[in-house]
Amino acid sequence: MSNVDIEIGHEVDRKIRTKGITKRAISDKTGMPYSTLNSKLKGYRSFNINEILAIAEVLEEPPAALLPEPFKSPALAGKEVD
């Protein structure tokens, strides 16, 4: 378990709670097993980019909204990059 995994897991979990969507709904809509989602939210396992994109789609958020501040890039936030 790395600090990065923990930070990303906590940020994704915070965003899910903020949106008022259950973890079960995220699991069902992304096809990710519920136990796997929980492990990733706790930082025991890493999210891959496809999982971040799928969760962002369910939450109707840009993918960067699911990442802690140090990991956000203008490209992921949907902003133009010079």
PDB file of N, CA and C in Angstrom:
ATOM      1  N   MET A   1       0.860  -1.168   0.000  1.00  0.00           N
ATOM      2  CA  MET A   1       0.000   0.000   0.000  1.00  0.00           C
ATOM      3  C   MET A   1       0.905   1.230   0.000  1.00  0.00           C
ATOM      4  N   SER A   2       0.699   2.088  -1.004  1.00  0.00           N
ATOM      5  CA  SER A   2       1.520   3.295  -1.078  1.00  0.00           C
ATOM      6  C   SER A   2       0.716   4.520  -0.663  1.00  0.00           C
ATOM      7  N   ASN A   3       1.429   5.577  -0.336  1.00  0.00           N
ATOM      8  CA  ASN A   3       0.759   6.826   0.018  1.00  0.00           C
ATOM      9  C   ASN A   3      -0.056   7.368  -1.145  1.00  0.00           C
ATOM     10  N   VAL A   4       0.431   7.182  -2.361  1.00  0.00           N
ATOM     11  CA  VAL A   4      -0.297   7.650  -3.542  1.00  0.00           C
ATOM     12  C   VAL A   4      -1.632   6.919  -3.648  1.00  0.00           C
ATOM     13  N   ASP A   5      -1.612   5.604  -3.481  1.00  0.00           N
ATOM     14  CA  ASP A   5      -2.846   4.819  -3.546  1.00  0.00           C
ATOM     15  C   ASP A   5      -3.839   5.289  -2.484  1.00  0.00           C
ATOM     16  N   ILE A   6      -3.339   5.557  -1.286  1.00  0.00           N
ATOM     17  CA  ILE A   6      -4.195   6.018  -0.189  1.00  0.00           C
ATOM     18  C   ILE A   6      -4.793   7.383  -0.521  1.00  0.00           C
ATOM     19  N   GLU A   7      -3.970   8.305  -0.997  1.00  0.00           N
ATOM     20  CA  GLU A   7      -4.449   9.651  -1.320  1.00  0.00           C
ATOM     21  C   GLU A   7      -5.497   9.622  -2.419  1.00  0.00           C
ATOM     22  N   ILE A   8      -5.240   8.862  -3.466  1.00  0.00           N
ATOM     23  CA  ILE A   8      -6.197   8.777  -4.567  1.00  0.00           C
ATOM     24  C   ILE A   8      -7.476   8.090  -4.100  1.00  0.00           C
ATOM     25  N   GLY A   9      -7.351   6.998  -3.366  1.00  0.00           N
ATOM     26  CA  GLY A   9      -8.527   6.302  -2.847  1.00  0.00           C
ATOM     27  C   GLY A   9      -9.393   7.194  -1.986  1.00  0.00           C
ATOM     28  N   HIS A  10      -8.771   7.969  -1.107  1.00  0.00           N
ATOM     29  CA  HIS A  10      -9.538   8.867  -0.235  1.00  0.00           C
ATOM     30  C   HIS A  10     -10.208   9.985  -1.032  1.00  0.00           C
ATOM     31  N   GLU A  11      -9.535  10.490  -2.046  1.00  0.00           N
ATOM     32  CA  GLU A  11     -10.130  11.559  -2.858  1.00  0.00           C
ATOM     33  C   GLU A  11     -11.312  11.036  -3.666  1.00  0.00           C
ATOM     34  N   VAL A  12     -11.184   9.851  -4.241  1.00  0.00           N
ATOM     35  CA  VAL A  12     -12.297   9.248  -4.984  1.00  0.00           C
ATOM     36  C   VAL A  12     -13.468   8.999  -4.034  1.00  0.00           C
ATOM     37  N   ASP A  13     -13.182   8.461  -2.851  1.00  0.00           N
ATOM     38  CA  ASP A  13     -14.228   8.198  -1.864  1.00  0.00           C
ATOM     39  C   ASP A  13     -14.928   9.496  -1.448  1.00  0.00           C
ATOM     40  N   ARG A  14     -14.155  10.547  -1.234  1.00  0.00           N
ATOM     41  CA  ARG A  14     -14.725  11.840  -0.848  1.00  0.00           C
ATOM     42  C   ARG A  14     -15.662  12.361  -1.935  1.00  0.00           C
ATOM     43  N   LYS A  15     -15.242  12.243  -3.181  1.00  0.00           N
ATOM     44  CA  LYS A  15     -16.057  12.732  -4.291  1.00  0.00           C
ATOM     45  C   LYS A  15     -17.332  11.907  -4.425  1.00  0.00           C
ATOM     46  N   ILE A  16     -17.243  10.596  -4.231  1.00  0.00           N
ATOM     47  CA  ILE A  16     -18.435   9.741  -4.291  1.00  0.00           C
ATOM     48  C   ILE A  16     -19.431  10.170  -3.212  1.00  0.00           C
ATOM     49  N   ARG A  17     -18.934  10.366  -1.988  1.00  0.00           N
ATOM     50  CA  ARG A  17     -19.815  10.786  -0.891  1.00  0.00           C
ATOM     51  C   ARG A  17     -20.401  12.163  -1.147  1.00  0.00           C
ATOM     52  N   THR A  18     -19.592  13.079  -1.675  1.00  0.00           N
ATOM     53  CA  THR A  18     -20.064  14.435  -1.974  1.00  0.00           C
ATOM     54  C   THR A  18     -21.207  14.410  -2.982  1.00  0.00           C
ATOM     55  N   LYS A  19     -21.112  13.525  -3.959  1.00  0.00           N
ATOM     56  CA  LYS A  19     -22.142  13.409  -4.990  1.00  0.00           C
ATOM     57  C   LYS A  19     -23.388  12.678  -4.490  1.00  0.00           C
ATOM     58  N   GLY A  20     -23.280  12.017  -3.342  1.00  0.00           N
ATOM     59  CA  GLY A  20     -24.434  11.315  -2.787  1.00  0.00           C
ATOM     60  C   GLY A  20     -24.782  10.020  -3.501  1.00  0.00           C
ATOM     61  N   ILE A  21     -23.799   9.442  -4.150  1.00  0.00           N
ATOM     62  CA  ILE A  21     -24.001   8.175  -4.845  1.00  0.00           C
ATOM     63  C   ILE A  21     -23.396   7.073  -3.986  1.00  0.00           C
ATOM     64  N   THR A  22     -24.050   5.936  -3.921  1.00  0.00           N
ATOM     65  CA  THR A  22     -23.529   4.852  -3.097  1.00  0.00           C
ATOM     66  C   THR A  22     -22.371   4.139  -3.801  1.00  0.00           C
ATOM     67  N   LYS A  23     -21.536   3.522  -2.989  1.00  0.00           N
ATOM     68  CA  LYS A  23     -20.443   2.725  -3.552  1.00  0.00           C
ATOM     69  C   LYS A  23     -21.018   1.554  -4.344  1.00  0.00           C
ATOM     70  N   ARG A  24     -22.143   1.034  -3.901  1.00  0.00           N
ATOM     71  CA  ARG A  24     -22.793  -0.075  -4.624  1.00  0.00           C
ATOM     72  C   ARG A  24     -23.197   0.387  -6.026  1.00  0.00           C
ATOM     73  N   ALA A  25     -23.726   1.602  -6.141  1.00  0.00           N
ATOM     74  CA  ALA A  25     -24.114   2.126  -7.454  1.00  0.00           C
ATOM     75  C   ALA A  25     -22.887   2.307  -8.352  1.00  0.00           C
ATOM     76  N   ILE A  26     -21.806   2.813  -7.778  1.00  0.00           N
ATOM     77  CA  ILE A  26     -20.558   2.967  -8.553  1.00  0.00           C
ATOM     78  C   ILE A  26     -20.098   1.601  -9.035  1.00  0.00           C
ATOM     79  N   SER A  27     -20.119   0.627  -8.151  1.00  0.00           N
ATOM     80  CA  SER A  27     -19.719  -0.732  -8.506  1.00  0.00           C
ATOM     81  C   SER A  27     -20.574  -1.275  -9.650  1.00  0.00           C
ATOM     82  N   ASP A  28     -21.870  -1.133  -9.520  1.00  0.00           N
ATOM     83  CA  ASP A  28     -22.787  -1.650 -10.545  1.00  0.00           C
ATOM     84  C   ASP A  28     -22.595  -0.954 -11.888  1.00  0.00           C
ATOM     85  N   LYS A  29     -22.458   0.360 -11.862  1.00  0.00           N
ATOM     86  CA  LYS A  29     -22.382   1.128 -13.106  1.00  0.00           C
ATOM     87  C   LYS A  29     -21.028   1.022 -13.797  1.00  0.00           C
ATOM     88  N   THR A  30     -19.966   0.739 -13.046  1.00  0.00           N
ATOM     89  CA  THR A  30     -18.642   0.615 -13.661  1.00  0.00           C
ATOM     90  C   THR A  30     -18.279  -0.836 -13.961  1.00  0.00           C
ATOM     91  N   GLY A  31     -19.002  -1.766 -13.351  1.00  0.00           N
ATOM     92  CA  GLY A  31     -18.675  -3.176 -13.525  1.00  0.00           C
ATOM     93  C   GLY A  31     -17.534  -3.645 -12.630  1.00  0.00           C
ATOM     94  N   MET A  32     -17.089  -2.771 -11.730  1.00  0.00           N
ATOM     95  CA  MET A  32     -16.019  -3.125 -10.802  1.00  0.00           C
ATOM     96  C   MET A  32     -16.635  -3.850  -9.601  1.00  0.00           C
ATOM     97  N   PRO A  33     -16.123  -5.018  -9.258  1.00  0.00           N
ATOM     98  CA  PRO A  33     -16.672  -5.695  -8.081  1.00  0.00           C
ATOM     99  C   PRO A  33     -16.633  -4.789  -6.848  1.00  0.00           C
ATOM    100  N   TYR A  34     -17.671  -4.883  -6.033  1.00  0.00           N
ATOM    101  CA  TYR A  34     -17.797  -4.032  -4.852  1.00  0.00           C
ATOM    102  C   TYR A  34     -16.596  -4.170  -3.924  1.00  0.00           C
ATOM    103  N   SER A  35     -16.129  -5.392  -3.706  1.00  0.00           N
ATOM    104  CA  SER A  35     -14.989  -5.605  -2.809  1.00  0.00           C
ATOM    105  C   SER A  35     -13.716  -4.979  -3.377  1.00  0.00           C
ATOM    106  N   THR A  36     -13.556  -5.017  -4.686  1.00  0.00           N
ATOM    107  CA  THR A  36     -12.408  -4.398  -5.335  1.00  0.00           C
ATOM    108  C   THR A  36     -12.462  -2.883  -5.178  1.00  0.00           C
ATOM    109  N   LEU A  37     -13.644  -2.310  -5.401  1.00  0.00           N
ATOM    110  CA  LEU A  37     -13.814  -0.864  -5.232  1.00  0.00           C
ATOM    111  C   LEU A  37     -13.452  -0.452  -3.808  1.00  0.00           C
ATOM    112  N   ASN A  38     -13.944  -1.183  -2.823  1.00  0.00           N
ATOM    113  CA  ASN A  38     -13.633  -0.863  -1.431  1.00  0.00           C
ATOM    114  C   ASN A  38     -12.135  -0.933  -1.162  1.00  0.00           C
ATOM    115  N   SER A  39     -11.476  -1.955  -1.681  1.00  0.00           N
ATOM    116  CA  SER A  39     -10.023  -2.081  -1.486  1.00  0.00           C
ATOM    117  C   SER A  39      -9.281  -0.895  -2.078  1.00  0.00           C
ATOM    118  N   LYS A  40      -9.737  -0.436  -3.229  1.00  0.00           N
ATOM    119  CA  LYS A  40      -9.082   0.690  -3.883  1.00  0.00           C
ATOM    120  C   LYS A  40      -9.374   1.994  -3.155  1.00  0.00           C
ATOM    121  N   LEU A  41     -10.597   2.166  -2.654  1.00  0.00           N
ATOM    122  CA  LEU A  41     -10.934   3.381  -1.917  1.00  0.00           C
ATOM    123  C   LEU A  41     -10.131   3.483  -0.621  1.00  0.00           C
ATOM    124  N   LYS A  42      -9.786   2.351  -0.044  1.00  0.00           N
ATOM    125  CA  LYS A  42      -8.986   2.344   1.187  1.00  0.00           C
ATOM    126  C   LYS A  42      -7.491   2.444   0.906  1.00  0.00           C
ATOM    127  N   GLY A  43      -7.105   2.375  -0.367  1.00  0.00           N
ATOM    128  CA  GLY A  43      -5.699   2.491  -0.735  1.00  0.00           C
ATOM    129  C   GLY A  43      -4.941   1.185  -0.692  1.00  0.00           C
ATOM    130  N   TYR A  44      -5.647   0.066  -0.517  1.00  0.00           N
ATOM    131  CA  TYR A  44      -4.973  -1.236  -0.494  1.00  0.00           C
ATOM    132  C   TYR A  44      -4.533  -1.659  -1.889  1.00  0.00           C
ATOM    133  N   ARG A  45      -5.228  -1.141  -2.903  1.00  0.00           N
ATOM    134  CA  ARG A  45      -4.915  -1.447  -4.297  1.00  0.00           C
ATOM    135  C   ARG A  45      -4.967  -0.151  -5.091  1.00  0.00           C
ATOM    136  N   SER A  46      -4.315  -0.139  -6.242  1.00  0.00           N
ATOM    137  CA  SER A  46      -4.266   1.062  -7.093  1.00  0.00           C
ATOM    138  C   SER A  46      -5.432   1.099  -8.070  1.00  0.00           C
ATOM    139  N   PHE A  47      -5.918   2.302  -8.341  1.00  0.00           N
ATOM    140  CA  PHE A  47      -6.847   2.500  -9.445  1.00  0.00           C
ATOM    141  C   PHE A  47      -6.025   2.596 -10.721  1.00  0.00           C
ATOM    142  N   ASN A  48      -6.562   2.085 -11.828  1.00  0.00           N
ATOM    143  CA  ASN A  48      -5.920   2.348 -13.110  1.00  0.00           C
ATOM    144  C   ASN A  48      -6.704   3.458 -13.801  1.00  0.00           C
ATOM    145  N   ILE A  49      -6.167   3.989 -14.864  1.00  0.00           N
ATOM    146  CA  ILE A  49      -6.771   5.148 -15.520  1.00  0.00           C
ATOM    147  C   ILE A  49      -8.169   4.824 -16.042  1.00  0.00           C
ATOM    148  N   ASN A  50      -8.382   3.622 -16.528  1.00  0.00           N
ATOM    149  CA  ASN A  50      -9.707   3.253 -17.038  1.00  0.00           C
ATOM    150  C   ASN A  50     -10.754   3.259 -15.923  1.00  0.00           C
ATOM    151  N   GLU A  51     -10.348   2.850 -14.740  1.00  0.00           N
ATOM    152  CA  GLU A  51     -11.276   2.866 -13.602  1.00  0.00           C
ATOM    153  C   GLU A  51     -11.599   4.298 -13.179  1.00  0.00           C
ATOM    154  N   ILE A  52     -10.588   5.158 -13.167  1.00  0.00           N
ATOM    155  CA  ILE A  52     -10.810   6.571 -12.844  1.00  0.00           C
ATOM    156  C   ILE A  52     -11.758   7.184 -13.873  1.00  0.00           C
ATOM    157  N   LEU A  53     -11.539   6.893 -15.148  1.00  0.00           N
ATOM    158  CA  LEU A  53     -12.407   7.426 -16.201  1.00  0.00           C
ATOM    159  C   LEU A  53     -13.835   6.927 -16.060  1.00  0.00           C
ATOM    160  N   ALA A  54     -14.007   5.647 -15.737  1.00  0.00           N
ATOM    161  CA  ALA A  54     -15.350   5.080 -15.580  1.00  0.00           C
ATOM    162  C   ALA A  54     -16.084   5.704 -14.390  1.00  0.00           C
ATOM    163  N   ILE A  55     -15.385   5.870 -13.279  1.00  0.00           N
ATOM    164  CA  ILE A  55     -16.006   6.478 -12.100  1.00  0.00           C
ATOM    165  C   ILE A  55     -16.340   7.936 -12.379  1.00  0.00           C
ATOM    166  N   ALA A  56     -15.440   8.648 -13.044  1.00  0.00           N
ATOM    167  CA  ALA A  56     -15.688  10.048 -13.388  1.00  0.00           C
ATOM    168  C   ALA A  56     -16.925  10.179 -14.271  1.00  0.00           C
ATOM    169  N   GLU A  57     -17.094   9.250 -15.183  1.00  0.00           N
ATOM    170  CA  GLU A  57     -18.271   9.270 -16.060  1.00  0.00           C
ATOM    171  C   GLU A  57     -19.553   9.079 -15.252  1.00  0.00           C
ATOM    172  N   VAL A  58     -19.549   8.141 -14.334  1.00  0.00           N
ATOM    173  CA  VAL A  58     -20.724   7.905 -13.490  1.00  0.00           C
ATOM    174  C   VAL A  58     -21.032   9.146 -12.650  1.00  0.00           C
ATOM    175  N   LEU A  59     -19.995   9.780 -12.131  1.00  0.00           N
ATOM    176  CA  LEU A  59     -20.178  10.951 -11.270  1.00  0.00           C
ATOM    177  C   LEU A  59     -20.417  12.238 -12.071  1.00  0.00           C
ATOM    178  N   GLU A  60     -20.278  12.142 -13.399  1.00  0.00           N
ATOM    179  CA  GLU A  60     -20.415  13.304 -14.280  1.00  0.00           C
ATOM    180  C   GLU A  60     -19.448  14.413 -13.871  1.00  0.00           C
ATOM    181  N   GLU A  61     -18.203  14.012 -13.693  1.00  0.00           N
ATOM    182  CA  GLU A  61     -17.113  14.901 -13.289  1.00  0.00           C
ATOM    183  C   GLU A  61     -15.942  14.687 -14.240  1.00  0.00           C
ATOM    184  N   PRO A  62     -15.086  15.700 -14.420  1.00  0.00           N
ATOM    185  CA  PRO A  62     -13.858  15.449 -15.175  1.00  0.00           C
ATOM    186  C   PRO A  62     -12.958  14.515 -14.361  1.00  0.00           C
ATOM    187  N   PRO A  63     -12.178  13.681 -15.017  1.00  0.00           N
ATOM    188  CA  PRO A  63     -11.320  12.738 -14.290  1.00  0.00           C
ATOM    189  C   PRO A  63     -10.429  13.400 -13.244  1.00  0.00           C
ATOM    190  N   ALA A  64      -9.942  14.599 -13.519  1.00  0.00           N
ATOM    191  CA  ALA A  64      -9.053  15.284 -12.574  1.00  0.00           C
ATOM    192  C   ALA A  64      -9.749  15.582 -11.252  1.00  0.00           C
ATOM    193  N   ALA A  65     -11.060  15.671 -11.252  1.00  0.00           N
ATOM    194  CA  ALA A  65     -11.797  15.947 -10.017  1.00  0.00           C
ATOM    195  C   ALA A  65     -11.652  14.809  -9.011  1.00  0.00           C
ATOM    196  N   LEU A  66     -11.228  13.641  -9.481  1.00  0.00           N
ATOM    197  CA  LEU A  66     -11.078  12.477  -8.605  1.00  0.00           C
ATOM    198  C   LEU A  66      -9.669  12.326  -8.062  1.00  0.00           C
ATOM    199  N   LEU A  67      -8.781  13.224  -8.463  1.00  0.00           N
ATOM    200  CA  LEU A  67      -7.386  13.108  -8.053  1.00  0.00           C
ATOM    201  C   LEU A  67      -7.031  14.157  -7.010  1.00  0.00           C
ATOM    202  N   PRO A  68      -6.135  13.818  -6.098  1.00  0.00           N
ATOM    203  CA  PRO A  68      -5.644  14.820  -5.151  1.00  0.00           C
ATOM    204  C   PRO A  68      -4.929  15.938  -5.907  1.00  0.00           C
ATOM    205  N   GLU A  69      -4.884  17.101  -5.339  1.00  0.00           N
ATOM    206  CA  GLU A  69      -4.343  18.302  -5.986  1.00  0.00           C
ATOM    207  C   GLU A  69      -2.982  18.099  -6.676  1.00  0.00           C
ATOM    208  N   PRO A  70      -1.997  17.449  -6.061  1.00  0.00           N
ATOM    209  CA  PRO A  70      -0.686  17.329  -6.728  1.00  0.00           C
ATOM    210  C   PRO A  70      -0.722  16.525  -8.033  1.00  0.00           C
ATOM    211  N   PHE A  71      -1.777  15.750  -8.249  1.00  0.00           N
ATOM    212  CA  PHE A  71      -1.838  14.882  -9.427  1.00  0.00           C
ATOM    213  C   PHE A  71      -2.690  15.444 -10.542  1.00  0.00           C
ATOM    214  N   LYS A  72      -3.291  16.586 -10.311  1.00  0.00           N
ATOM    215  CA  LYS A  72      -4.168  17.167 -11.324  1.00  0.00           C
ATOM    216  C   LYS A  72      -3.335  17.837 -12.401  1.00  0.00           C
ATOM    217  N   SER A  73      -3.746  17.610 -13.641  1.00  0.00           N
ATOM    218  CA  SER A  73      -3.092  18.266 -14.761  1.00  0.00           C
ATOM    219  C   SER A  73      -4.151  19.002 -15.558  1.00  0.00           C
ATOM    220  N   PRO A  74      -3.774  20.050 -16.256  1.00  0.00           N
ATOM    221  CA  PRO A  74      -4.750  20.770 -17.065  1.00  0.00           C
ATOM    222  C   PRO A  74      -5.430  19.872 -18.097  1.00  0.00           C
ATOM    223  N   ALA A  75      -4.702  18.932 -18.668  1.00  0.00           N
ATOM    224  CA  ALA A  75      -5.284  18.043 -19.670  1.00  0.00           C
ATOM    225  C   ALA A  75      -6.387  17.183 -19.075  1.00  0.00           C
ATOM    226  N   LEU A  76      -6.172  16.638 -17.884  1.00  0.00           N
ATOM    227  CA  LEU A  76      -7.193  15.816 -17.242  1.00  0.00           C
ATOM    228  C   LEU A  76      -8.383  16.632 -16.794  1.00  0.00           C
ATOM    229  N   ALA A  77      -8.172  17.905 -16.539  1.00  0.00           N
ATOM    230  CA  ALA A  77      -9.250  18.779 -16.077  1.00  0.00           C
ATOM    231  C   ALA A  77     -10.089  19.298 -17.236  1.00  0.00           C
ATOM    232  N   GLY A  78      -9.745  18.913 -18.467  1.00  0.00           N
ATOM    233  CA  GLY A  78     -10.491  19.358 -19.625  1.00  0.00           C
ATOM    234  C   GLY A  78     -10.135  20.762 -20.067  1.00  0.00           C
ATOM    235  N   LYS A  79      -8.980  21.256 -19.640  1.00  0.00           N
ATOM    236  CA  LYS A  79      -8.524  22.590 -20.005  1.00  0.00           C
ATOM    237  C   LYS A  79      -7.520  22.489 -21.137  1.00  0.00           C
ATOM    238  N   GLU A  80      -7.451  23.533 -21.918  1.00  0.00           N
ATOM    239  CA  GLU A  80      -6.474  23.557 -23.011  1.00  0.00           C
ATOM    240  C   GLU A  80      -5.062  23.644 -22.460  1.00  0.00           C
ATOM    241  N   VAL A  81      -4.177  22.918 -23.074  1.00  0.00           N
ATOM    242  CA  VAL A  81      -2.765  22.950 -22.700  1.00  0.00           C
ATOM    243  C   VAL A  81      -2.004  23.614 -23.824  1.00  0.00           C
ATOM    244  N   ASP A  82      -1.206  24.618 -23.482  1.00  0.00           N
ATOM    245  CA  ASP A  82      -0.431  25.322 -24.525  1.00  0.00           C
ATOM    246  C   ASP A  82       0.732  24.490 -24.991  1.00  0.00           C
TER     247      ASP A  82
END
